[in-house]
Amino acid sequence: MKKKKVWGSILILLFILVGIFCYMQYTANTEKEAYVQSGIPIGKEYIKKYYNADFIYQNNEFIGSYVNSTVYLRGYIKGNLKRIQNIEP
Protein backbone atom coordinates (compact mmCIF):
# COMPACT_ATOMS: atom_id res chain seq x y z
CA MET A 1 0.00 0.00 0.00
CA LYS A 2 2.83 2.37 0.86
CA LYS A 3 4.55 1.75 -2.48
CA LYS A 4 1.41 2.76 -4.36
CA LYS A 5 1.29 6.08 -2.49
CA VAL A 6 4.96 6.78 -3.24
CA TRP A 7 4.59 5.96 -6.94
CA GLY A 8 1.37 7.96 -7.11
CA SER A 9 3.09 10.96 -5.54
CA ILE A 10 6.02 10.65 -7.96
CA LEU A 11 3.63 10.46 -10.91
CA ILE A 12 1.67 13.52 -9.79
CA LEU A 13 4.91 15.47 -9.25
CA LEU A 14 6.10 14.46 -12.72
CA PHE A 15 2.84 15.69 -14.30
CA ILE A 16 3.14 19.00 -12.45
CA LEU A 17 6.73 19.50 -13.64
CA VAL A 18 5.82 18.68 -17.25
CA GLY A 19 2.91 21.13 -17.05
CA ILE A 20 5.16 23.90 -15.75
CA PHE A 21 7.71 23.24 -18.50
CA CYS A 22 5.03 23.36 -21.22
CA TYR A 23 3.64 26.62 -19.82
CA MET A 24 7.11 28.20 -19.80
CA GLN A 25 7.68 27.20 -23.43
CA TYR A 26 4.30 28.62 -24.42
CA THR A 27 4.99 31.98 -22.76
CA ALA A 28 8.46 32.20 -24.35
CA ASN A 29 7.03 31.54 -27.81
CA THR A 30 4.25 34.08 -27.26
CA GLU A 31 6.79 36.71 -26.21
CA LYS A 32 8.95 36.03 -29.27
CA GLU A 33 5.92 36.29 -31.56
CA ALA A 34 5.09 39.67 -30.00
CA TYR A 35 8.63 40.88 -30.76
CA VAL A 36 8.33 39.75 -34.37
CA GLN A 37 4.91 41.32 -34.88
CA SER A 38 6.14 44.64 -33.49
CA GLY A 39 9.34 44.48 -35.57
CA ILE A 40 7.75 43.85 -38.98
CA PRO A 41 6.30 47.38 -39.38
CA ILE A 42 9.60 48.88 -38.19
CA GLY A 43 11.53 46.84 -40.77
CA LYS A 44 9.14 47.79 -43.54
CA GLU A 45 9.42 51.46 -42.60
CA TYR A 46 13.24 51.23 -42.56
CA ILE A 47 13.37 49.72 -46.07
CA LYS A 48 10.88 52.28 -47.34
CA LYS A 49 12.82 55.20 -45.83
CA TYR A 50 16.38 54.23 -46.79
CA TYR A 51 15.86 52.16 -49.95
CA ASN A 52 12.55 53.55 -51.24
CA ALA A 53 11.17 50.02 -51.73
CA ASP A 54 8.45 47.80 -50.28
CA PHE A 55 9.66 44.93 -48.11
CA ILE A 56 7.77 41.60 -48.17
CA TYR A 57 8.32 39.69 -44.92
CA GLN A 58 8.90 35.90 -45.12
CA ASN A 59 10.35 34.63 -41.83
CA ASN A 60 12.59 35.55 -38.90
CA GLU A 61 15.49 34.38 -36.79
CA PHE A 62 16.34 35.16 -33.16
CA ILE A 63 19.97 35.66 -32.18
CA GLY A 64 21.07 35.56 -28.54
CA SER A 65 17.64 35.82 -27.01
CA TYR A 66 19.03 35.53 -23.45
CA VAL A 67 21.47 38.42 -23.82
CA ASN A 68 19.56 40.68 -26.19
CA SER A 69 16.50 40.31 -28.34
CA THR A 70 17.94 40.69 -31.82
CA VAL A 71 15.47 39.62 -34.48
CA TYR A 72 16.54 39.21 -38.09
CA LEU A 73 13.68 39.67 -40.53
CA ARG A 74 14.03 37.83 -43.81
CA GLY A 75 12.16 38.66 -46.98
CA TYR A 76 12.50 40.35 -50.34
CA ILE A 77 11.78 43.61 -52.13
CA LYS A 78 8.37 43.71 -53.80
CA GLY A 79 8.82 42.97 -57.49
CA ASN A 80 12.25 41.44 -56.90
CA LEU A 81 12.36 37.87 -55.61
CA LYS A 82 16.06 38.05 -54.74
CA ARG A 83 16.14 37.61 -50.97
CA ILE A 84 17.57 40.22 -48.65
CA GLN A 85 19.60 38.42 -46.05
CA ASN A 86 19.95 40.21 -42.71
CA ILE A 87 17.96 43.38 -42.22
CA GLU A 88 17.99 44.85 -38.74
CA PRO A 89 15.36 47.51 -38.09
C-alpha atoms as a PDB file:
ATOM      1  CA  MET A   1       0.000   0.000   0.000  1.00  0.00           C
ATOM      2  CA  LYS A   2       2.833   2.373   0.865  1.00  0.00           C
ATOM      3  CA  LYS A   3       4.554   1.747  -2.482  1.00  0.00           C
ATOM      4  CA  LYS A   4       1.411   2.765  -4.359  1.00  0.00           C
ATOM      5  CA  LYS A   5       1.292   6.084  -2.491  1.00  0.00           C
ATOM      6  CA  VAL A   6       4.960   6.783  -3.237  1.00  0.00           C
ATOM      7  CA  TRP A   7       4.592   5.960  -6.937  1.00  0.00           C
ATOM      8  CA  GLY A   8       1.365   7.957  -7.111  1.00  0.00           C
ATOM      9  CA  SER A   9       3.091  10.963  -5.543  1.00  0.00           C
ATOM     10  CA  ILE A  10       6.015  10.652  -7.962  1.00  0.00           C
ATOM     11  CA  LEU A  11       3.632  10.458 -10.911  1.00  0.00           C
ATOM     12  CA  ILE A  12       1.673  13.521  -9.788  1.00  0.00           C
ATOM     13  CA  LEU A  13       4.913  15.468  -9.250  1.00  0.00           C
ATOM     14  CA  LEU A  14       6.099  14.459 -12.722  1.00  0.00           C
ATOM     15  CA  PHE A  15       2.844  15.687 -14.305  1.00  0.00           C
ATOM     16  CA  ILE A  16       3.139  19.004 -12.454  1.00  0.00           C
ATOM     17  CA  LEU A  17       6.734  19.501 -13.636  1.00  0.00           C
ATOM     18  CA  VAL A  18       5.825  18.679 -17.253  1.00  0.00           C
ATOM     19  CA  GLY A  19       2.912  21.128 -17.054  1.00  0.00           C
ATOM     20  CA  ILE A  20       5.164  23.899 -15.746  1.00  0.00           C
ATOM     21  CA  PHE A  21       7.711  23.242 -18.500  1.00  0.00           C
ATOM     22  CA  CYS A  22       5.025  23.356 -21.224  1.00  0.00           C
ATOM     23  CA  TYR A  23       3.642  26.615 -19.823  1.00  0.00           C
ATOM     24  CA  MET A  24       7.112  28.200 -19.797  1.00  0.00           C
ATOM     25  CA  GLN A  25       7.685  27.195 -23.433  1.00  0.00           C
ATOM     26  CA  TYR A  26       4.296  28.623 -24.419  1.00  0.00           C
ATOM     27  CA  THR A  27       4.987  31.984 -22.764  1.00  0.00           C
ATOM     28  CA  ALA A  28       8.461  32.199 -24.348  1.00  0.00           C
ATOM     29  CA  ASN A  29       7.027  31.543 -27.812  1.00  0.00           C
ATOM     30  CA  THR A  30       4.246  34.076 -27.255  1.00  0.00           C
ATOM     31  CA  GLU A  31       6.785  36.706 -26.209  1.00  0.00           C
ATOM     32  CA  LYS A  32       8.949  36.027 -29.275  1.00  0.00           C
ATOM     33  CA  GLU A  33       5.923  36.288 -31.559  1.00  0.00           C
ATOM     34  CA  ALA A  34       5.086  39.671 -29.999  1.00  0.00           C
ATOM     35  CA  TYR A  35       8.631  40.881 -30.756  1.00  0.00           C
ATOM     36  CA  VAL A  36       8.328  39.751 -34.372  1.00  0.00           C
ATOM     37  CA  GLN A  37       4.910  41.320 -34.875  1.00  0.00           C
ATOM     38  CA  SER A  38       6.136  44.644 -33.488  1.00  0.00           C
ATOM     39  CA  GLY A  39       9.336  44.483 -35.571  1.00  0.00           C
ATOM     40  CA  ILE A  40       7.751  43.852 -38.981  1.00  0.00           C
ATOM     41  CA  PRO A  41       6.299  47.380 -39.385  1.00  0.00           C
ATOM     42  CA  ILE A  42       9.596  48.882 -38.190  1.00  0.00           C
ATOM     43  CA  GLY A  43      11.531  46.836 -40.768  1.00  0.00           C
ATOM     44  CA  LYS A  44       9.140  47.792 -43.543  1.00  0.00           C
ATOM     45  CA  GLU A  45       9.422  51.461 -42.599  1.00  0.00           C
ATOM     46  CA  TYR A  46      13.238  51.233 -42.556  1.00  0.00           C
ATOM     47  CA  ILE A  47      13.373  49.719 -46.067  1.00  0.00           C
ATOM     48  CA  LYS A  48      10.882  52.278 -47.338  1.00  0.00           C
ATOM     49  CA  LYS A  49      12.817  55.199 -45.832  1.00  0.00           C
ATOM     50  CA  TYR A  50      16.382  54.226 -46.791  1.00  0.00           C
ATOM     51  CA  TYR A  51      15.859  52.160 -49.951  1.00  0.00           C
ATOM     52  CA  ASN A  52      12.547  53.548 -51.244  1.00  0.00           C
ATOM     53  CA  ALA A  53      11.173  50.019 -51.728  1.00  0.00           C
ATOM     54  CA  ASP A  54       8.449  47.804 -50.284  1.00  0.00           C
ATOM     55  CA  PHE A  55       9.658  44.929 -48.107  1.00  0.00           C
ATOM     56  CA  ILE A  56       7.770  41.601 -48.166  1.00  0.00           C
ATOM     57  CA  TYR A  57       8.317  39.687 -44.916  1.00  0.00           C
ATOM     58  CA  GLN A  58       8.896  35.900 -45.121  1.00  0.00           C
ATOM     59  CA  ASN A  59      10.353  34.631 -41.827  1.00  0.00           C
ATOM     60  CA  ASN A  60      12.589  35.552 -38.900  1.00  0.00           C
ATOM     61  CA  GLU A  61      15.492  34.383 -36.785  1.00  0.00           C
ATOM     62  CA  PHE A  62      16.343  35.165 -33.157  1.00  0.00           C
ATOM     63  CA  ILE A  63      19.970  35.663 -32.182  1.00  0.00           C
ATOM     64  CA  GLY A  64      21.074  35.556 -28.536  1.00  0.00           C
ATOM     65  CA  SER A  65      17.637  35.818 -27.011  1.00  0.00           C
ATOM     66  CA  TYR A  66      19.031  35.534 -23.454  1.00  0.00           C
ATOM     67  CA  VAL A  67      21.471  38.420 -23.823  1.00  0.00           C
ATOM     68  CA  ASN A  68      19.560  40.682 -26.187  1.00  0.00           C
ATOM     69  CA  SER A  69      16.495  40.312 -28.335  1.00  0.00           C
ATOM     70  CA  THR A  70      17.945  40.688 -31.821  1.00  0.00           C
ATOM     71  CA  VAL A  71      15.472  39.625 -34.478  1.00  0.00           C
ATOM     72  CA  TYR A  72      16.540  39.211 -38.089  1.00  0.00           C
ATOM     73  CA  LEU A  73      13.682  39.671 -40.527  1.00  0.00           C
ATOM     74  CA  ARG A  74      14.031  37.835 -43.812  1.00  0.00           C
ATOM     75  CA  GLY A  75      12.161  38.664 -46.979  1.00  0.00           C
ATOM     76  CA  TYR A  76      12.501  40.350 -50.337  1.00  0.00           C
ATOM     77  CA  ILE A  77      11.777  43.609 -52.131  1.00  0.00           C
ATOM     78  CA  LYS A  78       8.371  43.710 -53.799  1.00  0.00           C
ATOM     79  CA  GLY A  79       8.816  42.970 -57.493  1.00  0.00           C
ATOM     80  CA  ASN A  80      12.251  41.438 -56.901  1.00  0.00           C
ATOM     81  CA  LEU A  81      12.364  37.867 -55.610  1.00  0.00           C
ATOM     82  CA  LYS A  82      16.064  38.053 -54.744  1.00  0.00           C
ATOM     83  CA  ARG A  83      16.145  37.606 -50.970  1.00  0.00           C
ATOM     84  CA  ILE A  84      17.565  40.222 -48.655  1.00  0.00           C
ATOM     85  CA  GLN A  85      19.597  38.417 -46.046  1.00  0.00           C
ATOM     86  CA  ASN A  86      19.953  40.214 -42.708  1.00  0.00           C
ATOM     87  CA  ILE A  87      17.965  43.378 -42.219  1.00  0.00           C
ATOM     88  CA  GLU A  88      17.991  44.851 -38.738  1.00  0.00           C
ATOM     89  CA  PRO A  89      15.359  47.506 -38.095  1.00  0.00           C
END
